[in-house]
Amino acid sequence: MKRAILIRLSIGVLVLTAILASLLEINRQNETVIGPVPATLNINDPRRAELRRCQEIGQAAMHDDACLTAWEENRRRFMGPKPASNGGN
């Protein structure tokens, strides 16, 4: 009698394992594969070169007019145009 129970339990475990493996495979097939995004980096960009130069000169860049201009342009491009004021309301 004990042998019959052991066989039934083994078959049950095998069936559950097969069902679980099937569900995992179905779920895996629905996943979208996201590959690496190619960098569209323009190495010849003078603005990037100026920002790199400002980074390399350290604190002296805080008093360099070219660096201040490059940072302002970079902020403008990143943040977008400033919102228009509505006349002090």
PDB file of N, CA and C in Angstrom:
ATOM      1  N   MET A   1       0.807  -1.189   0.000  1.00  0.00           N
ATOM      2  CA  MET A   1       0.000   0.000   0.000  1.00  0.00           C
ATOM      3  C   MET A   1       0.860   1.267   0.000  1.00  0.00           C
ATOM      4  N   LYS A   2       1.934   1.256   0.744  1.00  0.00           N
ATOM      5  CA  LYS A   2       2.800   2.416   0.807  1.00  0.00           C
ATOM      6  C   LYS A   2       3.469   2.674  -0.550  1.00  0.00           C
ATOM      7  N   ARG A   3       3.739   1.611  -1.260  1.00  0.00           N
ATOM      8  CA  ARG A   3       4.393   1.758  -2.558  1.00  0.00           C
ATOM      9  C   ARG A   3       3.460   2.458  -3.541  1.00  0.00           C
ATOM     10  N   ALA A   4       2.198   2.173  -3.506  1.00  0.00           N
ATOM     11  CA  ALA A   4       1.215   2.786  -4.398  1.00  0.00           C
ATOM     12  C   ALA A   4       1.109   4.288  -4.102  1.00  0.00           C
ATOM     13  N   ILE A   5       1.135   4.662  -2.840  1.00  0.00           N
ATOM     14  CA  ILE A   5       1.066   6.080  -2.469  1.00  0.00           C
ATOM     15  C   ILE A   5       2.316   6.803  -2.949  1.00  0.00           C
ATOM     16  N   LEU A   6       3.473   6.191  -2.802  1.00  0.00           N
ATOM     17  CA  LEU A   6       4.730   6.782  -3.250  1.00  0.00           C
ATOM     18  C   LEU A   6       4.743   6.976  -4.763  1.00  0.00           C
ATOM     19  N   ILE A   7       4.216   6.012  -5.493  1.00  0.00           N
ATOM     20  CA  ILE A   7       4.146   6.123  -6.945  1.00  0.00           C
ATOM     21  C   ILE A   7       3.197   7.255  -7.341  1.00  0.00           C
ATOM     22  N   ARG A   8       2.050   7.340  -6.688  1.00  0.00           N
ATOM     23  CA  ARG A   8       1.089   8.402  -7.001  1.00  0.00           C
ATOM     24  C   ARG A   8       1.677   9.790  -6.703  1.00  0.00           C
ATOM     25  N   LEU A   9       2.366   9.922  -5.586  1.00  0.00           N
ATOM     26  CA  LEU A   9       3.008  11.196  -5.243  1.00  0.00           C
ATOM     27  C   LEU A   9       4.088  11.554  -6.261  1.00  0.00           C
ATOM     28  N   SER A  10       4.862  10.595  -6.696  1.00  0.00           N
ATOM     29  CA  SER A  10       5.910  10.839  -7.688  1.00  0.00           C
ATOM     30  C   SER A  10       5.304  11.305  -9.010  1.00  0.00           C
ATOM     31  N   ILE A  11       4.223  10.642  -9.423  1.00  0.00           N
ATOM     32  CA  ILE A  11       3.552  11.031 -10.660  1.00  0.00           C
ATOM     33  C   ILE A  11       2.979  12.446 -10.521  1.00  0.00           C
ATOM     34  N   GLY A  12       2.418  12.754  -9.374  1.00  0.00           N
ATOM     35  CA  GLY A  12       1.878  14.094  -9.131  1.00  0.00           C
ATOM     36  C   GLY A  12       2.949  15.166  -9.216  1.00  0.00           C
ATOM     37  N   VAL A  13       4.113  14.885  -8.623  1.00  0.00           N
ATOM     38  CA  VAL A  13       5.225  15.836  -8.671  1.00  0.00           C
ATOM     39  C   VAL A  13       5.702  16.020 -10.104  1.00  0.00           C
ATOM     40  N   LEU A  14       5.786  14.940 -10.867  1.00  0.00           N
ATOM     41  CA  LEU A  14       6.209  15.032 -12.263  1.00  0.00           C
ATOM     42  C   LEU A  14       5.217  15.852 -13.097  1.00  0.00           C
ATOM     43  N   VAL A  15       3.917  15.636 -12.877  1.00  0.00           N
ATOM     44  CA  VAL A  15       2.898  16.385 -13.616  1.00  0.00           C
ATOM     45  C   VAL A  15       2.974  17.864 -13.265  1.00  0.00           C
ATOM     46  N   LEU A  16       3.092  18.189 -11.981  1.00  0.00           N
ATOM     47  CA  LEU A  16       3.208  19.584 -11.567  1.00  0.00           C
ATOM     48  C   LEU A  16       4.466  20.237 -12.140  1.00  0.00           C
ATOM     49  N   THR A  17       5.561  19.512 -12.170  1.00  0.00           N
ATOM     50  CA  THR A  17       6.802  20.035 -12.743  1.00  0.00           C
ATOM     51  C   THR A  17       6.631  20.307 -14.236  1.00  0.00           C
ATOM     52  N   ALA A  18       5.968  19.404 -14.952  1.00  0.00           N
ATOM     53  CA  ALA A  18       5.734  19.595 -16.384  1.00  0.00           C
ATOM     54  C   ALA A  18       4.848  20.812 -16.634  1.00  0.00           C
ATOM     55  N   ILE A  19       3.808  20.986 -15.821  1.00  0.00           N
ATOM     56  CA  ILE A  19       2.920  22.138 -15.970  1.00  0.00           C
ATOM     57  C   ILE A  19       3.680  23.435 -15.696  1.00  0.00           C
ATOM     58  N   LEU A  20       4.467  23.458 -14.640  1.00  0.00           N
ATOM     59  CA  LEU A  20       5.252  24.642 -14.298  1.00  0.00           C
ATOM     60  C   LEU A  20       6.243  24.974 -15.403  1.00  0.00           C
ATOM     61  N   ALA A  21       6.938  23.978 -15.938  1.00  0.00           N
ATOM     62  CA  ALA A  21       7.892  24.211 -17.019  1.00  0.00           C
ATOM     63  C   ALA A  21       7.192  24.757 -18.261  1.00  0.00           C
ATOM     64  N   SER A  22       6.010  24.254 -18.552  1.00  0.00           N
ATOM     65  CA  SER A  22       5.241  24.738 -19.710  1.00  0.00           C
ATOM     66  C   SER A  22       4.833  26.194 -19.520  1.00  0.00           C
ATOM     67  N   LEU A  23       4.350  26.528 -18.341  1.00  0.00           N
ATOM     68  CA  LEU A  23       3.946  27.908 -18.073  1.00  0.00           C
ATOM     69  C   LEU A  23       5.133  28.869 -18.143  1.00  0.00           C
ATOM     70  N   LEU A  24       6.255  28.455 -17.618  1.00  0.00           N
ATOM     71  CA  LEU A  24       7.449  29.297 -17.689  1.00  0.00           C
ATOM     72  C   LEU A  24       7.896  29.515 -19.132  1.00  0.00           C
ATOM     73  N   GLU A  25       7.819  28.488 -19.950  1.00  0.00           N
ATOM     74  CA  GLU A  25       8.206  28.606 -21.356  1.00  0.00           C
ATOM     75  C   GLU A  25       7.249  29.525 -22.112  1.00  0.00           C
ATOM     76  N   ILE A  26       5.968  29.417 -21.839  1.00  0.00           N
ATOM     77  CA  ILE A  26       4.986  30.292 -22.488  1.00  0.00           C
ATOM     78  C   ILE A  26       5.240  31.740 -22.086  1.00  0.00           C
ATOM     79  N   ASN A  27       5.506  31.969 -20.825  1.00  0.00           N
ATOM     80  CA  ASN A  27       5.778  33.317 -20.339  1.00  0.00           C
ATOM     81  C   ASN A  27       7.061  33.862 -20.952  1.00  0.00           C
ATOM     82  N   ARG A  28       8.068  33.048 -21.103  1.00  0.00           N
ATOM     83  CA  ARG A  28       9.344  33.481 -21.668  1.00  0.00           C
ATOM     84  C   ARG A  28       9.197  33.870 -23.131  1.00  0.00           C
ATOM     85  N   GLN A  29       8.325  33.211 -23.863  1.00  0.00           N
ATOM     86  CA  GLN A  29       8.128  33.514 -25.275  1.00  0.00           C
ATOM     87  C   GLN A  29       7.460  34.874 -25.464  1.00  0.00           C
ATOM     88  N   ASN A  30       6.716  35.353 -24.480  1.00  0.00           N
ATOM     89  CA  ASN A  30       6.038  36.637 -24.585  1.00  0.00           C
ATOM     90  C   ASN A  30       6.929  37.811 -24.212  1.00  0.00           C
ATOM     91  N   GLU A  31       8.109  37.569 -23.686  1.00  0.00           N
ATOM     92  CA  GLU A  31       9.000  38.646 -23.285  1.00  0.00           C
ATOM     93  C   GLU A  31       9.592  39.336 -24.511  1.00  0.00           C
ATOM     94  N   THR A  32       9.768  40.628 -24.396  1.00  0.00           N
ATOM     95  CA  THR A  32      10.408  41.379 -25.472  1.00  0.00           C
ATOM     96  C   THR A  32      11.881  41.514 -25.133  1.00  0.00           C
ATOM     97  N   VAL A  33      12.703  41.247 -26.094  1.00  0.00           N
ATOM     98  CA  VAL A  33      14.136  41.352 -25.896  1.00  0.00           C
ATOM     99  C   VAL A  33      14.554  42.777 -26.214  1.00  0.00           C
ATOM    100  N   ILE A  34      15.164  43.422 -25.238  1.00  0.00           N
ATOM    101  CA  ILE A  34      15.628  44.786 -25.426  1.00  0.00           C
ATOM    102  C   ILE A  34      17.146  44.743 -25.557  1.00  0.00           C
ATOM    103  N   GLY A  35      17.622  45.128 -26.709  1.00  0.00           N
ATOM    104  CA  GLY A  35      19.057  45.110 -26.972  1.00  0.00           C
ATOM    105  C   GLY A  35      19.688  46.434 -26.588  1.00  0.00           C
ATOM    106  N   PRO A  36      20.981  46.517 -26.725  1.00  0.00           N
ATOM    107  CA  PRO A  36      21.669  47.761 -26.407  1.00  0.00           C
ATOM    108  C   PRO A  36      21.270  48.870 -27.386  1.00  0.00           C
ATOM    109  N   VAL A  37      21.146  50.063 -26.849  1.00  0.00           N
ATOM    110  CA  VAL A  37      20.789  51.212 -27.669  1.00  0.00           C
ATOM    111  C   VAL A  37      22.068  51.795 -28.258  1.00  0.00           C
ATOM    112  N   PRO A  38      22.130  51.911 -29.580  1.00  0.00           N
ATOM    113  CA  PRO A  38      23.352  52.466 -30.171  1.00  0.00           C
ATOM    114  C   PRO A  38      23.498  53.940 -29.816  1.00  0.00           C
ATOM    115  N   ALA A  39      24.679  54.300 -29.455  1.00  0.00           N
ATOM    116  CA  ALA A  39      24.947  55.686 -29.100  1.00  0.00           C
ATOM    117  C   ALA A  39      25.104  56.506 -30.373  1.00  0.00           C
ATOM    118  N   THR A  40      24.345  57.573 -30.462  1.00  0.00           N
ATOM    119  CA  THR A  40      24.453  58.467 -31.604  1.00  0.00           C
ATOM    120  C   THR A  40      25.240  59.682 -31.147  1.00  0.00           C
ATOM    121  N   LEU A  41      26.482  59.464 -30.899  1.00  0.00           N
ATOM    122  CA  LEU A  41      27.356  60.475 -30.344  1.00  0.00           C
ATOM    123  C   LEU A  41      28.157  61.110 -31.457  1.00  0.00           C
ATOM    124  N   ASN A  42      28.060  62.409 -31.566  1.00  0.00           N
ATOM    125  CA  ASN A  42      28.829  63.127 -32.565  1.00  0.00           C
ATOM    126  C   ASN A  42      30.135  63.573 -31.920  1.00  0.00           C
ATOM    127  N   ILE A  43      31.220  62.919 -32.258  1.00  0.00           N
ATOM    128  CA  ILE A  43      32.517  63.205 -31.645  1.00  0.00           C
ATOM    129  C   ILE A  43      33.031  64.572 -32.075  1.00  0.00           C
ATOM    130  N   ASN A  44      32.638  65.053 -33.234  1.00  0.00           N
ATOM    131  CA  ASN A  44      33.122  66.325 -33.750  1.00  0.00           C
ATOM    132  C   ASN A  44      32.277  67.506 -33.281  1.00  0.00           C
ATOM    133  N   ASP A  45      31.437  67.324 -32.276  1.00  0.00           N
ATOM    134  CA  ASP A  45      30.582  68.383 -31.769  1.00  0.00           C
ATOM    135  C   ASP A  45      31.431  69.391 -30.994  1.00  0.00           C
ATOM    136  N   PRO A  46      31.530  70.635 -31.459  1.00  0.00           N
ATOM    137  CA  PRO A  46      32.364  71.624 -30.762  1.00  0.00           C
ATOM    138  C   PRO A  46      31.827  71.960 -29.369  1.00  0.00           C
ATOM    139  N   ARG A  47      30.507  71.896 -29.182  1.00  0.00           N
ATOM    140  CA  ARG A  47      29.941  72.185 -27.863  1.00  0.00           C
ATOM    141  C   ARG A  47      30.397  71.144 -26.852  1.00  0.00           C
ATOM    142  N   ARG A  48      30.412  69.890 -27.272  1.00  0.00           N
ATOM    143  CA  ARG A  48      30.863  68.803 -26.393  1.00  0.00           C
ATOM    144  C   ARG A  48      32.347  68.977 -26.059  1.00  0.00           C
ATOM    145  N   ALA A  49      33.122  69.368 -27.047  1.00  0.00           N
ATOM    146  CA  ALA A  49      34.558  69.582 -26.813  1.00  0.00           C
ATOM    147  C   ALA A  49      34.771  70.721 -25.823  1.00  0.00           C
ATOM    148  N   GLU A  50      33.979  71.783 -25.951  1.00  0.00           N
ATOM    149  CA  GLU A  50      34.104  72.914 -25.025  1.00  0.00           C
ATOM    150  C   GLU A  50      33.705  72.510 -23.611  1.00  0.00           C
ATOM    151  N   LEU A  51      32.639  71.732 -23.469  1.00  0.00           N
ATOM    152  CA  LEU A  51      32.239  71.254 -22.142  1.00  0.00           C
ATOM    153  C   LEU A  51      33.315  70.361 -21.530  1.00  0.00           C
ATOM    154  N   ARG A  52      33.941  69.540 -22.359  1.00  0.00           N
ATOM    155  CA  ARG A  52      35.026  68.674 -21.877  1.00  0.00           C
ATOM    156  C   ARG A  52      36.209  69.530 -21.403  1.00  0.00           C
ATOM    157  N   ARG A  53      36.529  70.587 -22.170  1.00  0.00           N
ATOM    158  CA  ARG A  53      37.632  71.470 -21.781  1.00  0.00           C
ATOM    159  C   ARG A  53      37.322  72.144 -20.448  1.00  0.00           C
ATOM    160  N   CYS A  54      36.084  72.582 -20.293  1.00  0.00           N
ATOM    161  CA  CYS A  54      35.689  73.235 -19.043  1.00  0.00           C
ATOM    162  C   CYS A  54      35.783  72.268 -17.864  1.00  0.00           C
ATOM    163  N   GLN A  55      35.447  71.023 -18.111  1.00  0.00           N
ATOM    164  CA  GLN A  55      35.539  70.022 -17.058  1.00  0.00           C
ATOM    165  C   GLN A  55      36.997  69.796 -16.670  1.00  0.00           C
ATOM    166  N   GLU A  56      37.873  69.823 -17.638  1.00  0.00           N
ATOM    167  CA  GLU A  56      39.287  69.544 -17.367  1.00  0.00           C
ATOM    168  C   GLU A  56      39.986  70.678 -16.632  1.00  0.00           C
ATOM    169  N   ILE A  57      39.543  71.928 -16.823  1.00  0.00           N
ATOM    170  CA  ILE A  57      40.252  73.029 -16.161  1.00  0.00           C
ATOM    171  C   ILE A  57      39.766  73.254 -14.730  1.00  0.00           C
ATOM    172  N   GLY A  58      38.734  72.542 -14.323  1.00  0.00           N
ATOM    173  CA  GLY A  58      38.314  72.565 -12.920  1.00  0.00           C
ATOM    174  C   GLY A  58      37.635  73.860 -12.514  1.00  0.00           C
ATOM    175  N   GLN A  59      38.027  74.399 -11.330  1.00  0.00           N
ATOM    176  CA  GLN A  59      37.358  75.573 -10.780  1.00  0.00           C
ATOM    177  C   GLN A  59      37.616  76.835 -11.588  1.00  0.00           C
ATOM    178  N   ALA A  60      38.674  76.855 -12.355  1.00  0.00           N
ATOM    179  CA  ALA A  60      38.953  78.021 -13.199  1.00  0.00           C
ATOM    180  C   ALA A  60      37.838  78.216 -14.227  1.00  0.00           C
ATOM    181  N   ALA A  61      37.083  77.182 -14.515  1.00  0.00           N
ATOM    182  CA  ALA A  61      35.991  77.283 -15.489  1.00  0.00           C
ATOM    183  C   ALA A  61      34.870  78.181 -14.983  1.00  0.00           C
ATOM    184  N   MET A  62      34.767  78.361 -13.662  1.00  0.00           N
ATOM    185  CA  MET A  62      33.706  79.212 -13.119  1.00  0.00           C
ATOM    186  C   MET A  62      33.912  80.673 -13.491  1.00  0.00           C
ATOM    187  N   HIS A  63      35.127  81.042 -13.882  1.00  0.00           N
ATOM    188  CA  HIS A  63      35.440  82.425 -14.249  1.00  0.00           C
ATOM    189  C   HIS A  63      35.738  82.559 -15.738  1.00  0.00           C
ATOM    190  N   ASP A  64      35.576  81.499 -16.470  1.00  0.00           N
ATOM    191  CA  ASP A  64      35.845  81.494 -17.913  1.00  0.00           C
ATOM    192  C   ASP A  64      34.541  81.781 -18.654  1.00  0.00           C
ATOM    193  N   ASP A  65      34.533  82.891 -19.434  1.00  0.00           N
ATOM    194  CA  ASP A  65      33.305  83.282 -20.150  1.00  0.00           C
ATOM    195  C   ASP A  65      32.869  82.220 -21.156  1.00  0.00           C
ATOM    196  N   ALA A  66      33.798  81.555 -21.816  1.00  0.00           N
ATOM    197  CA  ALA A  66      33.445  80.522 -22.800  1.00  0.00           C
ATOM    198  C   ALA A  66      32.760  79.343 -22.111  1.00  0.00           C
ATOM    199  N   CYS A  67      33.221  78.994 -20.927  1.00  0.00           N
ATOM    200  CA  CYS A  67      32.606  77.892 -20.187  1.00  0.00           C
ATOM    201  C   CYS A  67      31.216  78.275 -19.708  1.00  0.00           C
ATOM    202  N   LEU A  68      31.066  79.493 -19.217  1.00  0.00           N
ATOM    203  CA  LEU A  68      29.750  79.942 -18.769  1.00  0.00           C
ATOM    204  C   LEU A  68      28.748  79.933 -19.928  1.00  0.00           C
ATOM    205  N   THR A  69      29.196  80.359 -21.089  1.00  0.00           N
ATOM    206  CA  THR A  69      28.332  80.347 -22.269  1.00  0.00           C
ATOM    207  C   THR A  69      27.986  78.914 -22.675  1.00  0.00           C
ATOM    208  N   ALA A  70      28.976  78.022 -22.648  1.00  0.00           N
ATOM    209  CA  ALA A  70      28.745  76.620 -23.022  1.00  0.00           C
ATOM    210  C   ALA A  70      27.781  75.955 -22.053  1.00  0.00           C
ATOM    211  N   TRP A  71      27.909  76.237 -20.761  1.00  0.00           N
ATOM    212  CA  TRP A  71      27.006  75.650 -19.776  1.00  0.00           C
ATOM    213  C   TRP A  71      25.579  76.174 -19.961  1.00  0.00           C
ATOM    214  N   GLU A  72      25.454  77.484 -20.232  1.00  0.00           N
ATOM    215  CA  GLU A  72      24.127  78.065 -20.449  1.00  0.00           C
ATOM    216  C   GLU A  72      23.458  77.434 -21.667  1.00  0.00           C
ATOM    217  N   GLU A  73      24.214  77.266 -22.747  1.00  0.00           N
ATOM    218  CA  GLU A  73      23.669  76.639 -23.954  1.00  0.00           C
ATOM    219  C   GLU A  73      23.291  75.184 -23.683  1.00  0.00           C
ATOM    220  N   ASN A  74      24.111  74.491 -22.921  1.00  0.00           N
ATOM    221  CA  ASN A  74      23.822  73.098 -22.585  1.00  0.00           C
ATOM    222  C   ASN A  74      22.546  72.999 -21.743  1.00  0.00           C
ATOM    223  N   ARG A  75      22.391  73.894 -20.768  1.00  0.00           N
ATOM    224  CA  ARG A  75      21.166  73.912 -19.955  1.00  0.00           C
ATOM    225  C   ARG A  75      19.951  74.220 -20.825  1.00  0.00           C
ATOM    226  N   ARG A  76      20.093  75.180 -21.738  1.00  0.00           N
ATOM    227  CA  ARG A  76      18.989  75.549 -22.610  1.00  0.00           C
ATOM    228  C   ARG A  76      18.562  74.375 -23.481  1.00  0.00           C
ATOM    229  N   ARG A  77      19.533  73.651 -24.016  1.00  0.00           N
ATOM    230  CA  ARG A  77      19.216  72.504 -24.867  1.00  0.00           C
ATOM    231  C   ARG A  77      18.602  71.368 -24.062  1.00  0.00           C
ATOM    232  N   PHE A  78      19.068  71.184 -22.829  1.00  0.00           N
ATOM    233  CA  PHE A  78      18.581  70.077 -22.012  1.00  0.00           C
ATOM    234  C   PHE A  78      17.194  70.380 -21.450  1.00  0.00           C
ATOM    235  N   MET A  79      17.008  71.557 -20.912  1.00  0.00           N
ATOM    236  CA  MET A  79      15.760  71.919 -20.234  1.00  0.00           C
ATOM    237  C   MET A  79      14.695  72.429 -21.198  1.00  0.00           C
ATOM    238  N   GLY A  80      15.080  72.882 -22.357  1.00  0.00           N
ATOM    239  CA  GLY A  80      14.115  73.456 -23.289  1.00  0.00           C
ATOM    240  C   GLY A  80      14.000  74.948 -23.072  1.00  0.00           C
ATOM    241  N   PRO A  81      13.162  75.593 -23.854  1.00  0.00           N
ATOM    242  CA  PRO A  81      13.012  77.046 -23.713  1.00  0.00           C
ATOM    243  C   PRO A  81      12.354  77.411 -22.396  1.00  0.00           C
ATOM    244  N   LYS A  82      12.703  78.597 -21.906  1.00  0.00           N
ATOM    245  CA  LYS A  82      12.100  79.067 -20.654  1.00  0.00           C
ATOM    246  C   LYS A  82      10.633  79.388 -20.903  1.00  0.00           C
ATOM    247  N   PRO A  83       9.770  79.085 -19.925  1.00  0.00           N
ATOM    248  CA  PRO A  83       8.351  79.411 -20.127  1.00  0.00           C
ATOM    249  C   PRO A  83       8.147  80.922 -20.146  1.00  0.00           C
ATOM    250  N   ALA A  84       7.207  81.385 -20.947  1.00  0.00           N
ATOM    251  CA  ALA A  84       6.921  82.814 -21.044  1.00  0.00           C
ATOM    252  C   ALA A  84       6.253  83.288 -19.760  1.00  0.00           C
ATOM    253  N   SER A  85       6.643  84.456 -19.292  1.00  0.00           N
ATOM    254  CA  SER A  85       6.015  84.990 -18.098  1.00  0.00           C
ATOM    255  C   SER A  85       4.644  85.553 -18.463  1.00  0.00           C
ATOM    256  N   ASN A  86       3.727  85.542 -17.519  1.00  0.00           N
ATOM    257  CA  ASN A  86       2.366  85.985 -17.808  1.00  0.00           C
ATOM    258  C   ASN A  86       2.099  87.371 -17.242  1.00  0.00           C
ATOM    259  N   GLY A  87       3.078  88.264 -17.294  1.00  0.00           N
ATOM    260  CA  GLY A  87       2.883  89.670 -16.933  1.00  0.00           C
ATOM    261  C   GLY A  87       2.773  89.939 -15.446  1.00  0.00           C
ATOM    262  N   GLY A  88       3.331  89.110 -14.604  1.00  0.00           N
ATOM    263  CA  GLY A  88       3.355  89.356 -13.162  1.00  0.00           C
ATOM    264  C   GLY A  88       2.088  88.946 -12.440  1.00  0.00           C
ATOM    265  N   ASN A  89       1.232  88.174 -13.033  1.00  0.00           N
ATOM    266  CA  ASN A  89       0.005  87.734 -12.358  1.00  0.00           C
ATOM    267  C   ASN A  89       0.252  86.590 -11.456  1.00  0.00           C
TER     268      ASN A  89
END
